[in-house]
Amino acid sequence: MQLYFSGESLRNTAESVKLIGMDVSHQTVYSWIKKYVTLMARYLEQIKPNVSDAWRADELYLKIRGDAKYLFALMDDQTCFWIAQQVADTKYTSNIQPLFKDAKIITGKRPNTVITDGAANFHDAFKKEFFTINSPRTRHISQIRLQGDHNNNKMERLNGEVRDREKVMRGLKRTDTKDIKFIIII
């Protein structure tokens, strides 16, 4: 599993295992990975993550079964824990309020700060899920830059990890697939 999780393909992992005397197919390796990820996903669903008061959100273009999709993800700023994700068909017009709503349910709290890019759907979802007149108010930072205090470099780095894994997997097959769970757990 270490070989696969560090970026090797299923076939390369099976070939490496053969070098130490175990003759397994790439499907067997995939079965091991699925079993491990299922166990870890069950474990993660039972715990409440200890996240900070600042969260970051971004989207990533993916191909799922050859169709263009966007993976919207929300992560904790301090721990880089991937809190929630949502797959959508469009980048700027998808309703991503469920992403923020799921994050509140998973963490049991609302953040003090949400950092996103300037996309209108992030702003709309933020207003519906986090904006209140009462104190304390969640602050939305949407004017991010490459340098300075308000950048989204941490989230972009996580996107890079997803992209690296997607390349090895040669794309994703389904939007509700365990492949996305693989990426999150890794």
C-alpha atoms as a PDB file:
ATOM      1  CA  MET A   1       0.000   0.000   0.000  1.00  0.00           C
ATOM      2  CA  GLN A   2       2.907   2.343   0.707  1.00  0.00           C
ATOM      3  CA  LEU A   3       4.031   2.085  -2.919  1.00  0.00           C
ATOM      4  CA  TYR A   4       0.580   2.928  -4.211  1.00  0.00           C
ATOM      5  CA  PHE A   5       0.007   5.772  -1.759  1.00  0.00           C
ATOM      6  CA  SER A   6       3.379   7.283  -2.610  1.00  0.00           C
ATOM      7  CA  GLY A   7       2.387   7.581  -6.272  1.00  0.00           C
ATOM      8  CA  GLU A   8       2.983   4.243  -7.996  1.00  0.00           C
ATOM      9  CA  SER A   9       0.333   2.817 -10.295  1.00  0.00           C
ATOM     10  CA  LEU A  10      -1.485  -0.402  -9.394  1.00  0.00           C
ATOM     11  CA  ARG A  11       0.449  -2.326 -12.040  1.00  0.00           C
ATOM     12  CA  ASN A  12       3.825  -0.960 -10.898  1.00  0.00           C
ATOM     13  CA  THR A  13       2.926  -1.779  -7.304  1.00  0.00           C
ATOM     14  CA  ALA A  14       2.041  -5.367  -8.274  1.00  0.00           C
ATOM     15  CA  GLU A  15       5.353  -5.667 -10.164  1.00  0.00           C
ATOM     16  CA  SER A  16       7.300  -4.395  -7.155  1.00  0.00           C
ATOM     17  CA  VAL A  17       5.553  -6.861  -4.862  1.00  0.00           C
ATOM     18  CA  LYS A  18       6.571  -9.663  -7.260  1.00  0.00           C
ATOM     19  CA  LEU A  19      10.209  -8.713  -6.671  1.00  0.00           C
ATOM     20  CA  ILE A  20       9.884  -9.726  -3.028  1.00  0.00           C
ATOM     21  CA  GLY A  21       8.292 -13.053  -3.914  1.00  0.00           C
ATOM     22  CA  MET A  22       4.546 -12.384  -3.883  1.00  0.00           C
ATOM     23  CA  ASP A  23       2.745 -13.016  -7.156  1.00  0.00           C
ATOM     24  CA  VAL A  24      -0.311 -10.727  -7.085  1.00  0.00           C
ATOM     25  CA  SER A  25      -2.257  -8.977  -9.802  1.00  0.00           C
ATOM     26  CA  HIS A  26      -2.997  -5.279  -9.940  1.00  0.00           C
ATOM     27  CA  GLN A  27      -6.649  -6.127  -9.151  1.00  0.00           C
ATOM     28  CA  THR A  28      -5.509  -7.738  -5.888  1.00  0.00           C
ATOM     29  CA  VAL A  29      -3.571  -4.608  -4.989  1.00  0.00           C
ATOM     30  CA  TYR A  30      -6.675  -2.554  -5.792  1.00  0.00           C
ATOM     31  CA  SER A  31      -8.750  -4.816  -3.499  1.00  0.00           C
ATOM     32  CA  TRP A  32      -6.278  -4.236  -0.673  1.00  0.00           C
ATOM     33  CA  ILE A  33      -6.428  -0.482  -1.231  1.00  0.00           C
ATOM     34  CA  LYS A  34     -10.252  -0.469  -1.324  1.00  0.00           C
ATOM     35  CA  LYS A  35     -10.427  -2.462   1.899  1.00  0.00           C
ATOM     36  CA  TYR A  36      -7.961  -0.145   3.657  1.00  0.00           C
ATOM     37  CA  VAL A  37      -9.677   3.014   2.435  1.00  0.00           C
ATOM     38  CA  THR A  38     -13.090   1.674   3.460  1.00  0.00           C
ATOM     39  CA  LEU A  39     -11.793   0.969   6.975  1.00  0.00           C
ATOM     40  CA  MET A  40     -10.168   4.394   7.226  1.00  0.00           C
ATOM     41  CA  ALA A  41     -13.253   6.171   5.850  1.00  0.00           C
ATOM     42  CA  ARG A  42     -15.436   4.463   8.495  1.00  0.00           C
ATOM     43  CA  TYR A  43     -12.984   5.545  11.178  1.00  0.00           C
ATOM     44  CA  LEU A  44     -12.848   9.138   9.932  1.00  0.00           C
ATOM     45  CA  GLU A  45     -16.652   9.365   9.836  1.00  0.00           C
ATOM     46  CA  GLN A  46     -16.780   8.546  13.555  1.00  0.00           C
ATOM     47  CA  ILE A  47     -14.394  11.239  14.744  1.00  0.00           C
ATOM     48  CA  LYS A  48     -14.973  14.947  14.970  1.00  0.00           C
ATOM     49  CA  PRO A  49     -11.909  16.693  13.541  1.00  0.00           C
ATOM     50  CA  ASN A  50     -10.176  19.285  15.693  1.00  0.00           C
ATOM     51  CA  VAL A  51      -9.907  22.111  13.185  1.00  0.00           C
ATOM     52  CA  SER A  52      -8.897  25.738  13.504  1.00  0.00           C
ATOM     53  CA  ASP A  53     -11.088  28.792  13.015  1.00  0.00           C
ATOM     54  CA  ALA A  54      -9.851  29.477   9.462  1.00  0.00           C
ATOM     55  CA  TRP A  55     -10.917  27.386   6.475  1.00  0.00           C
ATOM     56  CA  ARG A  56      -9.872  27.516   2.828  1.00  0.00           C
ATOM     57  CA  ALA A  57     -11.917  26.531  -0.220  1.00  0.00           C
ATOM     58  CA  ASP A  58     -11.055  26.107  -3.883  1.00  0.00           C
ATOM     59  CA  GLU A  59     -12.061  24.163  -6.945  1.00  0.00           C
ATOM     60  CA  LEU A  60     -10.118  21.834  -9.203  1.00  0.00           C
ATOM     61  CA  TYR A  61     -10.891  20.777 -12.759  1.00  0.00           C
ATOM     62  CA  LEU A  62     -11.123  16.991 -13.150  1.00  0.00           C
ATOM     63  CA  LYS A  63     -12.200  14.544 -15.781  1.00  0.00           C
ATOM     64  CA  ILE A  64     -14.556  11.885 -14.529  1.00  0.00           C
ATOM     65  CA  ARG A  65     -15.353   9.254 -17.153  1.00  0.00           C
ATOM     66  CA  GLY A  66     -14.087  11.740 -19.705  1.00  0.00           C
ATOM     67  CA  ASP A  67     -16.524  14.484 -18.661  1.00  0.00           C
ATOM     68  CA  ALA A  68     -15.315  17.812 -17.331  1.00  0.00           C
ATOM     69  CA  LYS A  69     -16.186  18.203 -13.639  1.00  0.00           C
ATOM     70  CA  TYR A  70     -15.065  20.418 -10.789  1.00  0.00           C
ATOM     71  CA  LEU A  71     -14.053  19.152  -7.381  1.00  0.00           C
ATOM     72  CA  PHE A  72     -14.806  21.802  -4.766  1.00  0.00           C
ATOM     73  CA  ALA A  73     -12.948  21.173  -1.523  1.00  0.00           C
ATOM     74  CA  LEU A  74     -12.773  22.818   1.877  1.00  0.00           C
ATOM     75  CA  MET A  75      -9.790  22.357   4.181  1.00  0.00           C
ATOM     76  CA  ASP A  76      -8.651  23.563   7.575  1.00  0.00           C
ATOM     77  CA  ASP A  77      -6.003  26.273   7.337  1.00  0.00           C
ATOM     78  CA  GLN A  78      -3.873  25.095  10.249  1.00  0.00           C
ATOM     79  CA  THR A  79      -3.938  21.289   9.977  1.00  0.00           C
ATOM     80  CA  CYS A  80      -4.620  21.025   6.208  1.00  0.00           C
ATOM     81  CA  PHE A  81      -7.356  18.512   7.091  1.00  0.00           C
ATOM     82  CA  TRP A  82      -9.707  18.046   4.138  1.00  0.00           C
ATOM     83  CA  ILE A  83     -13.070  18.827   5.749  1.00  0.00           C
ATOM     84  CA  ALA A  84     -15.552  18.400   2.903  1.00  0.00           C
ATOM     85  CA  GLN A  85     -15.778  18.053  -0.857  1.00  0.00           C
ATOM     86  CA  GLN A  86     -18.380  18.322  -3.601  1.00  0.00           C
ATOM     87  CA  VAL A  87     -18.269  17.410  -7.293  1.00  0.00           C
ATOM     88  CA  ALA A  88     -20.070  19.789  -9.661  1.00  0.00           C
ATOM     89  CA  ASP A  89     -20.590  20.170 -13.397  1.00  0.00           C
ATOM     90  CA  THR A  90     -19.680  23.848 -13.638  1.00  0.00           C
ATOM     91  CA  LYS A  91     -17.119  26.118 -12.036  1.00  0.00           C
ATOM     92  CA  TYR A  92     -18.848  29.466 -11.506  1.00  0.00           C
ATOM     93  CA  THR A  93     -22.565  28.631 -11.429  1.00  0.00           C
ATOM     94  CA  SER A  94     -22.757  25.494  -9.280  1.00  0.00           C
ATOM     95  CA  ASN A  95     -24.498  25.775  -5.945  1.00  0.00           C
ATOM     96  CA  ILE A  96     -21.752  24.936  -3.459  1.00  0.00           C
ATOM     97  CA  GLN A  97     -23.714  25.757  -0.332  1.00  0.00           C
ATOM     98  CA  PRO A  98     -23.867  21.996   0.497  1.00  0.00           C
ATOM     99  CA  LEU A  99     -20.052  22.040   0.743  1.00  0.00           C
ATOM    100  CA  PHE A 100     -20.145  24.661   3.495  1.00  0.00           C
ATOM    101  CA  LYS A 101     -23.160  23.045   5.177  1.00  0.00           C
ATOM    102  CA  ASP A 102     -21.407  19.636   5.276  1.00  0.00           C
ATOM    103  CA  ALA A 103     -18.310  21.266   6.749  1.00  0.00           C
ATOM    104  CA  LYS A 104     -20.359  22.751   9.592  1.00  0.00           C
ATOM    105  CA  ILE A 105     -21.929  19.369  10.307  1.00  0.00           C
ATOM    106  CA  ILE A 106     -18.625  17.477  10.136  1.00  0.00           C
ATOM    107  CA  THR A 107     -16.743  19.886  12.393  1.00  0.00           C
ATOM    108  CA  GLY A 108     -19.616  20.928  14.636  1.00  0.00           C
ATOM    109  CA  LYS A 109     -18.611  24.570  14.333  1.00  0.00           C
ATOM    110  CA  ARG A 110     -18.414  27.572  12.078  1.00  0.00           C
ATOM    111  CA  PRO A 111     -15.126  29.229  11.210  1.00  0.00           C
ATOM    112  CA  ASN A 112     -14.062  32.762  12.056  1.00  0.00           C
ATOM    113  CA  THR A 113     -12.557  33.138   8.556  1.00  0.00           C
ATOM    114  CA  VAL A 114     -13.233  31.548   5.170  1.00  0.00           C
ATOM    115  CA  ILE A 115     -10.624  32.098   2.445  1.00  0.00           C
ATOM    116  CA  THR A 116     -11.677  31.565  -1.186  1.00  0.00           C
ATOM    117  CA  ASP A 117     -11.047  32.995  -4.599  1.00  0.00           C
ATOM    118  CA  GLY A 118     -13.385  35.662  -5.938  1.00  0.00           C
ATOM    119  CA  ALA A 119     -15.852  33.312  -7.668  1.00  0.00           C
ATOM    120  CA  ALA A 120     -19.452  34.400  -7.187  1.00  0.00           C
ATOM    121  CA  ASN A 121     -20.651  30.951  -6.149  1.00  0.00           C
ATOM    122  CA  PHE A 122     -18.230  30.941  -3.187  1.00  0.00           C
ATOM    123  CA  HIS A 123     -19.607  34.333  -2.141  1.00  0.00           C
ATOM    124  CA  ASP A 124     -23.233  33.196  -2.514  1.00  0.00           C
ATOM    125  CA  ALA A 125     -22.644  30.004  -0.545  1.00  0.00           C
ATOM    126  CA  PHE A 126     -20.775  31.951   2.155  1.00  0.00           C
ATOM    127  CA  LYS A 127     -23.655  34.423   2.528  1.00  0.00           C
ATOM    128  CA  LYS A 128     -26.250  31.665   2.821  1.00  0.00           C
ATOM    129  CA  GLU A 129     -24.294  29.480   5.240  1.00  0.00           C
ATOM    130  CA  PHE A 130     -22.081  31.759   7.340  1.00  0.00           C
ATOM    131  CA  PHE A 131     -23.203  35.384   7.114  1.00  0.00           C
ATOM    132  CA  THR A 132     -24.997  36.624  10.202  1.00  0.00           C
ATOM    133  CA  ILE A 133     -25.751  40.016  11.631  1.00  0.00           C
ATOM    134  CA  ASN A 134     -24.970  38.786  15.142  1.00  0.00           C
ATOM    135  CA  SER A 135     -21.453  38.649  16.551  1.00  0.00           C
ATOM    136  CA  PRO A 136     -19.127  36.910  16.115  1.00  0.00           C
ATOM    137  CA  ARG A 137     -19.253  37.215  12.386  1.00  0.00           C
ATOM    138  CA  THR A 138     -17.446  34.890  10.024  1.00  0.00           C
ATOM    139  CA  ARG A 139     -15.117  36.900   7.809  1.00  0.00           C
ATOM    140  CA  HIS A 140     -14.909  36.054   4.094  1.00  0.00           C
ATOM    141  CA  ILE A 141     -11.576  36.774   2.420  1.00  0.00           C
ATOM    142  CA  SER A 142     -12.085  36.490  -1.306  1.00  0.00           C
ATOM    143  CA  GLN A 143      -9.438  38.825  -2.686  1.00  0.00           C
ATOM    144  CA  ILE A 144      -6.441  36.510  -2.625  1.00  0.00           C
ATOM    145  CA  ARG A 145      -3.037  37.067  -4.225  1.00  0.00           C
ATOM    146  CA  LEU A 146       0.030  34.950  -4.893  1.00  0.00           C
ATOM    147  CA  GLN A 147       2.051  36.748  -2.211  1.00  0.00           C
ATOM    148  CA  GLY A 148       1.010  38.350   1.024  1.00  0.00           C
ATOM    149  CA  ASP A 149      -1.166  37.457   3.972  1.00  0.00           C
ATOM    150  CA  HIS A 150      -4.204  36.476   1.935  1.00  0.00           C
ATOM    151  CA  ASN A 151      -3.185  33.804  -0.517  1.00  0.00           C
ATOM    152  CA  ASN A 152      -4.558  30.348  -1.141  1.00  0.00           C
ATOM    153  CA  ASN A 153      -1.212  28.582  -1.567  1.00  0.00           C
ATOM    154  CA  LYS A 154      -2.048  25.867   0.958  1.00  0.00           C
ATOM    155  CA  MET A 155      -5.209  24.964  -0.896  1.00  0.00           C
ATOM    156  CA  GLU A 156      -3.422  25.045  -4.245  1.00  0.00           C
ATOM    157  CA  ARG A 157      -0.840  22.626  -2.806  1.00  0.00           C
ATOM    158  CA  LEU A 158      -3.637  20.239  -1.847  1.00  0.00           C
ATOM    159  CA  ASN A 159      -5.006  20.580  -5.374  1.00  0.00           C
ATOM    160  CA  GLY A 160      -1.570  19.549  -6.647  1.00  0.00           C
ATOM    161  CA  GLU A 161      -1.719  16.387  -4.530  1.00  0.00           C
ATOM    162  CA  VAL A 162      -5.114  15.559  -6.004  1.00  0.00           C
ATOM    163  CA  ARG A 163      -3.819  16.182  -9.521  1.00  0.00           C
ATOM    164  CA  ASP A 164      -0.769  13.948  -8.953  1.00  0.00           C
ATOM    165  CA  ARG A 165      -2.960  11.110  -7.691  1.00  0.00           C
ATOM    166  CA  GLU A 166      -5.452  11.549 -10.533  1.00  0.00           C
ATOM    167  CA  LYS A 167      -2.655  11.198 -13.103  1.00  0.00           C
ATOM    168  CA  VAL A 168      -1.495   7.899 -11.620  1.00  0.00           C
ATOM    169  CA  MET A 169      -5.085   6.664 -11.490  1.00  0.00           C
ATOM    170  CA  ARG A 170      -5.597   7.769 -15.122  1.00  0.00           C
ATOM    171  CA  GLY A 171      -8.700   9.698 -14.250  1.00  0.00           C
ATOM    172  CA  LEU A 172     -11.667   8.994 -12.049  1.00  0.00           C
ATOM    173  CA  LYS A 173     -14.529   6.725 -13.032  1.00  0.00           C
ATOM    174  CA  ARG A 174     -17.448   8.048 -10.949  1.00  0.00           C
ATOM    175  CA  THR A 175     -18.267  11.156  -8.937  1.00  0.00           C
ATOM    176  CA  ASP A 176     -19.292   9.080  -5.913  1.00  0.00           C
ATOM    177  CA  THR A 177     -16.327   6.774  -6.265  1.00  0.00           C
ATOM    178  CA  LYS A 178     -13.975   5.667  -3.556  1.00  0.00           C
ATOM    179  CA  ASP A 179     -11.232   7.194  -5.698  1.00  0.00           C
ATOM    180  CA  ILE A 180     -12.013  10.585  -4.175  1.00  0.00           C
ATOM    181  CA  LYS A 181     -11.887   8.981  -0.715  1.00  0.00           C
ATOM    182  CA  PHE A 182      -8.469   7.521  -1.663  1.00  0.00           C
ATOM    183  CA  ILE A 183      -7.197  10.994  -2.386  1.00  0.00           C
ATOM    184  CA  ILE A 184      -8.648  12.444   0.821  1.00  0.00           C
ATOM    185  CA  ILE A 185      -7.272   9.716   3.079  1.00  0.00           C
ATOM    186  CA  ILE A 186      -3.833   9.788   1.522  1.00  0.00           C
END
